[in-house]
Protein backbone atom coordinates (compact mmCIF):
# COMPACT_ATOMS: atom_id res chain seq x y z
CA MET A 1 132.20 -40.69 -114.17
CA ARG A 2 131.62 -40.31 -110.44
CA SER A 3 128.11 -38.92 -110.97
CA LEU A 4 127.23 -41.89 -113.18
CA ILE A 5 128.38 -44.33 -110.50
CA ALA A 6 126.33 -42.46 -107.79
CA THR A 7 123.22 -42.54 -109.95
CA CYS A 8 123.55 -46.27 -110.51
CA LEU A 9 123.98 -46.93 -106.78
CA PHE A 10 120.82 -44.83 -105.96
CA VAL A 11 118.71 -46.75 -108.49
CA LEU A 12 119.97 -50.05 -107.11
CA ALA A 13 119.07 -49.07 -103.54
CA CYS A 14 115.49 -48.03 -104.48
CA THR A 15 114.94 -51.29 -106.36
CA THR A 16 116.16 -53.35 -103.40
CA ALA A 17 113.79 -51.49 -100.98
CA GLN A 18 110.78 -52.05 -103.22
CA ALA A 19 111.62 -55.76 -103.43
CA GLN A 20 111.81 -56.04 -99.65
CA ASP A 21 108.42 -54.26 -99.19
CA SER A 22 106.71 -56.56 -101.67
CA ALA A 23 108.13 -59.62 -99.93
CA ALA A 24 107.02 -58.55 -96.43
CA PRO A 25 103.58 -59.80 -95.24
CA ARG A 26 100.69 -57.20 -95.10
CA PHE A 27 98.54 -56.73 -91.98
CA ASP A 28 95.22 -54.89 -92.67
CA PRO A 29 93.23 -53.59 -89.62
CA PRO A 30 90.25 -55.70 -88.62
CA ALA A 31 86.81 -54.59 -89.71
CA SER A 32 85.80 -53.83 -86.09
CA VAL A 33 88.32 -51.00 -85.85
CA ALA A 34 87.82 -49.61 -89.34
CA ALA A 35 87.18 -45.85 -89.47
CA ALA A 36 83.53 -44.88 -89.81
CA PRO A 37 82.55 -43.19 -93.02
CA VAL A 38 82.36 -39.42 -92.91
CA PRO A 39 78.68 -38.40 -92.25
CA ASP A 40 76.92 -36.55 -94.99
CA PRO A 41 74.83 -33.57 -93.72
CA LYS A 42 72.21 -34.48 -96.29
CA ASP A 43 71.70 -37.96 -94.84
CA SER A 44 68.24 -38.92 -93.68
CA ASN A 45 67.83 -40.32 -90.20
CA ALA A 46 67.34 -43.81 -91.68
CA ALA A 47 70.60 -43.56 -93.65
CA ARG A 48 72.44 -42.20 -90.61
CA ALA A 49 71.18 -45.12 -88.52
CA LYS A 50 73.12 -47.50 -90.80
CA THR A 51 76.38 -45.57 -90.92
CA GLN A 52 76.35 -44.12 -87.37
CA PRO A 53 73.54 -45.77 -85.39
CA ARG A 54 73.71 -43.45 -82.38
CA ASN A 55 74.08 -40.21 -84.31
CA ASN A 56 70.57 -38.71 -84.61
CA ALA A 57 71.68 -35.31 -85.87
CA PRO A 58 69.35 -35.38 -88.93
CA PHE A 59 66.32 -35.96 -86.67
CA TRP A 60 67.12 -33.13 -84.29
CA ARG A 61 68.04 -30.87 -87.19
CA GLU A 62 64.54 -31.40 -88.60
CA VAL A 63 63.03 -30.74 -85.17
CA GLN A 64 64.95 -27.48 -84.86
CA ASP A 65 63.93 -26.37 -88.34
CA SER A 66 60.29 -27.48 -88.00
CA GLY A 67 59.17 -23.90 -87.33
CA ARG A 68 60.51 -22.87 -90.74
CA LYS A 69 59.79 -26.10 -92.62
CA PRO A 70 57.20 -28.27 -90.83
CA GLY A 71 57.84 -31.98 -90.85
CA ILE A 72 55.51 -34.94 -90.49
CA SER A 73 53.93 -35.56 -87.10
CA SER A 74 50.94 -37.29 -85.55
CA LEU A 75 50.02 -34.08 -83.65
CA PRO A 76 46.58 -32.67 -84.57
CA GLY A 77 45.86 -29.10 -85.56
CA ALA A 78 47.17 -26.52 -87.98
CA GLU A 79 50.68 -26.67 -86.55
CA LYS A 80 51.28 -30.40 -86.88
CA GLY A 81 54.92 -31.01 -87.60
CA VAL A 82 56.07 -27.79 -85.88
CA LEU A 83 57.91 -29.05 -82.81
CA VAL A 84 60.18 -26.05 -82.20
CA GLN A 85 58.91 -22.56 -83.05
CA PRO A 86 61.02 -20.18 -85.16
CA LEU A 87 63.22 -17.49 -83.66
CA VAL A 88 61.56 -14.21 -82.66
CA GLN A 89 62.31 -11.28 -80.38
CA TYR A 90 59.40 -9.83 -78.43
CA PRO A 91 59.77 -6.53 -76.56
CA GLY A 92 61.71 -7.43 -73.44
CA SER A 93 63.03 -10.79 -74.66
CA ARG A 94 66.16 -12.04 -76.35
CA MET A 95 66.30 -13.45 -79.87
CA THR A 96 65.17 -17.01 -79.25
CA ASN A 97 62.38 -19.39 -80.20
CA ALA A 98 58.86 -18.01 -79.74
CA GLY A 99 57.98 -20.20 -76.77
CA GLU A 100 61.06 -19.16 -74.82
CA ALA A 101 60.58 -15.51 -75.80
CA TRP A 102 57.01 -15.59 -74.46
CA ARG A 103 58.26 -17.17 -71.22
CA GLN A 104 60.89 -14.45 -70.80
CA VAL A 105 58.34 -11.65 -71.28
CA ARG A 106 55.91 -13.27 -68.85
CA ASN A 107 58.39 -14.16 -66.10
CA GLN A 108 60.75 -11.20 -66.37
CA TRP A 109 58.31 -8.36 -67.09
CA ILE A 110 54.59 -9.09 -66.69
CA ILE A 111 54.76 -11.06 -63.44
CA PRO A 112 57.21 -8.88 -61.44
CA TYR A 113 56.14 -5.47 -62.72
CA GLY A 114 52.43 -6.29 -62.94
CA GLY A 115 52.40 -7.67 -59.42
CA SER A 116 54.34 -4.67 -58.15
CA LEU A 117 51.85 -2.27 -59.76
CA VAL A 118 48.88 -3.96 -58.06
CA LEU A 119 50.66 -3.95 -54.70
CA ILE A 120 51.63 -0.29 -55.07
CA VAL A 121 48.02 0.70 -55.78
CA ILE A 122 46.73 -1.30 -52.79
CA VAL A 123 49.32 0.22 -50.46
CA ALA A 124 48.67 3.74 -51.79
CA LEU A 125 44.92 3.39 -51.26
CA GLY A 126 45.50 2.04 -47.76
CA LEU A 127 47.79 4.93 -46.86
CA PHE A 128 45.30 7.44 -48.25
CA PHE A 129 42.47 5.91 -46.24
CA PHE A 130 44.39 5.86 -42.95
CA THR A 131 45.69 9.41 -43.41
CA LYS A 132 42.68 11.15 -44.97
CA GLY A 133 39.81 8.83 -44.14
CA PRO A 134 36.61 8.68 -46.21
CA ILE A 135 36.06 11.77 -48.32
CA GLY A 136 32.88 13.79 -48.12
CA HIS A 137 30.65 14.78 -45.22
CA ALA A 138 27.14 13.77 -46.32
CA SER A 139 26.10 10.32 -45.13
CA ASN A 140 23.33 9.96 -47.73
CA THR A 141 20.57 9.33 -45.21
CA GLY A 142 18.39 12.42 -45.74
CA GLU A 143 14.64 12.30 -46.19
CA ARG A 144 14.34 13.76 -49.71
CA ARG A 145 15.60 11.14 -52.13
CA ILE A 146 16.92 11.62 -55.67
CA GLU A 147 17.11 8.63 -57.98
CA ARG A 148 20.74 8.30 -59.09
CA PHE A 149 20.64 4.83 -60.65
CA THR A 150 17.66 2.96 -62.01
CA TYR A 151 17.08 -0.70 -61.27
CA PHE A 152 18.38 -1.68 -64.71
CA GLU A 153 21.53 0.40 -64.28
CA ARG A 154 22.24 -1.17 -60.91
CA ALA A 155 21.60 -4.68 -62.21
CA ALA A 156 23.98 -4.16 -65.14
CA HIS A 157 26.63 -2.65 -62.87
CA TRP A 158 26.45 -5.40 -60.22
CA LEU A 159 26.52 -8.20 -62.79
CA ASN A 160 29.58 -6.68 -64.39
CA ALA A 161 31.19 -6.05 -61.00
CA ILE A 162 30.66 -9.66 -59.87
CA ALA A 163 32.06 -11.03 -63.12
CA PHE A 164 35.05 -8.70 -62.91
CA SER A 165 35.74 -9.71 -59.30
CA VAL A 166 35.75 -13.41 -60.18
CA LEU A 167 38.04 -12.79 -63.15
CA ALA A 168 40.40 -10.55 -61.18
CA ILE A 169 40.70 -12.91 -58.21
CA SER A 170 41.16 -16.00 -60.37
CA GLY A 171 43.63 -14.22 -62.62
CA ILE A 172 45.69 -12.96 -59.67
CA VAL A 173 45.82 -16.44 -58.13
CA MET A 174 46.81 -18.10 -61.42
CA ALA A 175 49.47 -15.50 -62.18
CA PHE A 176 50.87 -14.66 -58.74
CA GLY A 177 49.46 -17.36 -56.45
CA LYS A 178 52.60 -19.49 -56.39
CA PHE A 179 54.45 -16.62 -54.73
CA PHE A 180 52.03 -15.79 -51.88
CA LEU A 181 49.48 -18.63 -51.70
CA LEU A 182 51.33 -21.84 -52.59
CA PRO A 183 53.74 -21.67 -49.60
CA VAL A 184 50.73 -21.29 -47.26
CA ILE A 185 48.26 -23.95 -48.47
CA GLY A 186 50.60 -26.41 -50.17
CA HIS A 187 50.74 -27.95 -53.64
CA LEU A 188 47.68 -30.22 -53.43
CA LEU A 189 45.17 -27.60 -52.31
CA PHE A 190 46.75 -24.96 -54.54
CA GLY A 191 46.39 -27.28 -57.55
CA TRP A 192 42.69 -27.87 -56.89
CA LEU A 193 42.09 -24.18 -56.19
CA THR A 194 43.72 -23.03 -59.42
CA TYR A 195 41.78 -25.67 -61.37
CA VAL A 196 38.47 -24.41 -59.95
CA LEU A 197 39.43 -20.76 -60.50
CA LYS A 198 40.59 -21.44 -64.06
CA THR A 199 37.20 -23.03 -64.82
CA ALA A 200 35.41 -20.07 -63.24
CA HIS A 201 37.66 -17.69 -65.20
CA ASN A 202 36.70 -19.29 -68.50
CA PHE A 203 33.00 -19.29 -67.58
CA PHE A 204 32.75 -15.70 -66.32
CA GLY A 205 34.80 -14.31 -69.21
CA PRO A 206 31.86 -14.26 -71.67
CA VAL A 207 29.57 -13.00 -68.87
CA PHE A 208 31.93 -10.10 -68.29
CA ALA A 209 32.11 -9.38 -72.03
CA VAL A 210 28.33 -9.14 -72.44
CA SER A 211 27.77 -7.17 -69.22
CA LEU A 212 30.61 -4.79 -70.11
CA LEU A 213 28.89 -3.97 -73.39
CA VAL A 214 25.60 -3.38 -71.55
CA VAL A 215 27.34 -1.11 -69.01
CA PHE A 216 29.03 0.86 -71.78
CA LEU A 217 25.81 1.47 -73.68
CA THR A 218 23.86 2.20 -70.49
CA PHE A 219 26.19 4.89 -69.12
CA LEU A 220 27.57 6.23 -72.40
CA ARG A 221 25.38 9.33 -72.56
CA SER A 222 26.37 10.52 -69.08
CA ASN A 223 30.11 10.02 -69.67
CA PHE A 224 30.73 12.28 -72.65
CA PRO A 225 33.54 14.76 -71.82
CA ARG A 226 32.46 18.29 -70.90
CA ARG A 227 34.25 21.56 -70.36
CA GLU A 228 33.98 21.34 -66.57
CA ASP A 229 35.94 18.08 -66.58
CA ILE A 230 39.17 19.93 -67.39
CA VAL A 231 38.89 21.96 -64.18
CA TRP A 232 38.17 18.79 -62.20
CA LEU A 233 41.29 17.07 -63.57
CA LEU A 234 43.53 20.09 -62.98
CA LYS A 235 42.43 20.22 -59.33
CA PHE A 236 42.43 16.41 -58.98
CA GLY A 237 38.82 16.53 -57.94
CA GLY A 238 39.67 18.41 -54.76
CA MET A 239 40.74 15.17 -53.05
CA LEU A 240 43.87 16.79 -51.61
CA SER A 241 42.29 20.13 -50.71
CA GLY A 242 39.20 18.59 -49.13
CA LYS A 243 36.72 20.61 -51.25
CA GLU A 244 35.23 18.81 -54.20
CA VAL A 245 35.12 20.40 -57.64
CA PRO A 246 31.59 20.80 -59.08
CA SER A 247 30.72 18.09 -61.61
CA HIS A 248 27.76 16.68 -63.46
CA ARG A 249 26.30 13.20 -62.92
CA PHE A 250 29.77 11.66 -63.32
CA ASN A 251 32.95 13.57 -62.58
CA ALA A 252 36.09 13.51 -64.71
CA GLY A 253 37.66 10.75 -62.61
CA GLU A 254 34.71 8.48 -63.23
CA LYS A 255 34.85 9.33 -66.92
CA VAL A 256 38.54 8.39 -67.05
CA VAL A 257 37.64 5.01 -65.57
CA PHE A 258 34.78 4.68 -68.06
CA TRP A 259 36.77 5.49 -71.19
CA GLY A 260 40.16 4.18 -70.11
CA GLY A 261 39.10 1.14 -68.12
CA VAL A 262 35.69 0.08 -69.41
CA PHE A 263 36.07 1.01 -73.07
CA PHE A 264 39.79 0.90 -73.95
CA LEU A 265 41.28 -1.68 -71.60
CA GLY A 266 37.99 -3.56 -71.40
CA THR A 267 37.82 -3.95 -75.17
CA ILE A 268 41.41 -5.21 -75.32
CA ALA A 269 40.93 -7.61 -72.41
CA VAL A 270 37.65 -8.99 -73.77
CA ALA A 271 38.93 -9.40 -77.34
CA SER A 272 42.16 -11.12 -76.25
CA GLY A 273 40.28 -13.25 -73.70
CA LEU A 274 37.75 -14.45 -76.25
CA PHE A 275 40.65 -15.24 -78.58
CA LEU A 276 42.41 -17.25 -75.87
CA ASN A 277 39.16 -19.15 -75.23
CA LYS A 278 38.92 -19.83 -78.98
CA LEU A 279 35.48 -18.24 -79.18
CA LEU A 280 36.16 -15.97 -82.17
CA PRO A 281 35.46 -17.53 -85.58
CA GLY A 282 37.81 -17.48 -88.53
CA PHE A 283 41.12 -18.06 -86.71
CA ASP A 284 43.49 -21.04 -86.69
CA TYR A 285 44.67 -20.24 -83.14
CA LEU A 286 48.32 -20.94 -83.78
CA ARG A 287 50.78 -20.98 -80.90
CA PRO A 288 52.53 -17.69 -81.82
CA ASP A 289 49.16 -15.92 -82.01
CA MET A 290 48.05 -17.38 -78.68
CA GLN A 291 51.31 -16.30 -77.04
CA VAL A 292 50.94 -12.73 -78.28
CA ALA A 293 47.27 -12.68 -77.22
CA HIS A 294 48.25 -13.89 -73.75
CA MET A 295 50.82 -11.12 -73.32
CA ILE A 296 48.33 -8.47 -74.48
CA HIS A 297 45.62 -9.92 -72.24
CA ALA A 298 47.90 -9.97 -69.19
CA VAL A 299 49.06 -6.37 -69.62
CA ALA A 300 45.53 -5.05 -70.25
CA THR A 301 44.00 -6.90 -67.29
CA VAL A 302 46.75 -5.84 -64.85
CA LEU A 303 46.23 -2.19 -65.83
CA MET A 304 42.46 -2.63 -65.58
CA ILE A 305 42.74 -4.16 -62.10
CA ALA A 306 44.96 -1.30 -60.96
CA MET A 307 42.48 1.27 -62.33
CA PHE A 308 39.36 -0.45 -61.00
CA LEU A 309 40.89 -0.81 -57.53
CA GLY A 310 40.61 2.96 -57.21
CA HIS A 311 37.03 2.85 -58.45
CA ILE A 312 36.13 0.09 -55.98
CA TYR A 313 37.81 1.98 -53.15
CA ILE A 314 35.82 5.18 -53.80
CA GLY A 315 32.58 3.24 -54.24
CA THR A 316 32.91 1.34 -50.94
CA ILE A 317 34.97 2.77 -48.06
CA GLY A 318 36.58 5.75 -49.76
CA MET A 319 33.51 8.02 -49.96
CA ARG A 320 30.70 8.33 -47.45
CA GLY A 321 27.35 7.29 -48.87
CA ALA A 322 28.71 6.10 -52.24
CA TYR A 323 27.98 2.41 -51.67
CA ARG A 324 24.43 3.20 -50.56
CA ALA A 325 23.89 5.11 -53.82
CA MET A 326 24.70 2.06 -55.94
CA ARG A 327 23.00 -0.38 -53.59
CA ASP A 328 19.68 1.47 -53.22
CA GLY A 329 19.91 3.68 -56.31
CA VAL A 330 18.98 6.90 -54.49
CA VAL A 331 20.83 9.76 -52.77
CA ASP A 332 19.72 12.71 -50.69
CA ASP A 333 19.99 16.41 -51.54
CA GLU A 334 23.03 17.01 -49.35
CA TRP A 335 25.05 14.16 -50.89
CA ALA A 336 24.14 15.16 -54.46
CA ALA A 337 25.01 18.82 -53.84
CA GLU A 338 28.34 17.96 -52.23
CA HIS A 339 29.67 15.44 -54.76
CA HIS A 340 27.89 16.36 -58.02
CA GLU A 341 26.86 19.96 -57.64
CA LEU A 342 26.18 20.67 -61.34
CA TRP A 343 24.00 17.57 -61.63
CA TYR A 344 22.09 18.60 -58.51
CA ARG A 345 21.52 22.11 -59.91
CA ASP A 346 19.99 20.67 -63.08
CA ILE A 347 17.65 18.56 -60.96
CA ARG A 348 16.75 21.52 -58.76
CA ASP A 349 16.05 23.70 -61.80
CA GLY A 350 13.86 21.00 -63.38
CA LYS A 351 16.21 20.22 -66.29
CA ILE A 352 16.62 16.63 -65.12
CA PRO A 353 13.88 14.66 -63.37
CA ALA A 354 14.64 13.65 -59.81
CA GLN A 355 12.78 10.39 -60.37
CA ARG A 356 13.31 8.62 -63.68
CA THR A 357 11.62 5.34 -62.77
CA PRO A 358 7.82 5.65 -62.78
CA GLU A 359 6.29 5.18 -59.36
CA PRO A 360 4.18 2.00 -59.12
CA GLN A 361 0.49 2.79 -59.16
CA PRO A 362 -1.58 1.41 -56.28
CA ALA A 363 -3.87 -1.43 -57.19
CA PRO A 364 -7.53 -0.36 -57.55
CA HIS A 365 -9.84 -1.46 -54.77
CA ALA A 366 -12.12 -4.29 -55.56
CA ILE A 367 -15.73 -3.29 -56.14
CA GLN A 368 -17.86 -4.53 -53.31
CA PRO A 369 -21.02 -6.31 -54.42
């Protein structure tokens, strides 16, 4: 009986509460403070502008994914619609977008280590010169002259050397100039200088490519490896002992420069440079390809500069009479016997002519009437 009475009282209380709620006035929140609808990740930017006007997540999501799924853009070229490149990881970089990865490789590896390598070579050559002085004893001023380089060989060499010097100087200024030149001459002059050097770099690049091919074909026959080159390399050419190792027309050191610098690094530098200048047909020249080509070009040219610095040193102040040989094309017996003894023996024994360029014939005298 008691449970029945309790149940009836509970039902009566619930009914009374519902009646009071229905009688009370309702206050809905104003439209200005209504909760915004939950954004749909699949919304377009136009749809999001209506629901959440300042939320541009769909737009930036498309920008971020444009490397994987290009969008629509007014940019010209094969990469229109690709605003942010896809994620990559180059050697020496983190996993990030391709542009940032290229920047990391350039700024954290190529610039500091490449610049250090060039400085180390320059300092090493300077120390060697001030401690040892010029190598060799012959001054190359004797009376009997032997033709070492023909006019064509010298012209090809000097054209290639001038083009290389312009490219090396302009490349060093563009890559490292802001560290050692910008603080000295200021932003305005540095900007004009780099603009002029960049234009010269692009112009002399094809000149260097053609002249490098001519130099390679011209001196190829004299640079084939020979058995005597192994002895020269093992003794480092006698540069430390002071007594040169016998060699043919070109010693093993010059052959290393020829095959390693002219052929191997030269081919890589020329191919990547022509690609960066967009002079090779059949390519779309996409940004990832240009970034990779730039890294390859920078590494090859830094190594080539370091190698050719030694060659320039020996050919100018590092060896007595060497510059005169390339300038005039001739050497004397003493210089040839000291620096290229095997080549001199072949000339002395008549196996190689001492004069390869025909002597000009004197003009016939005019017949007097």
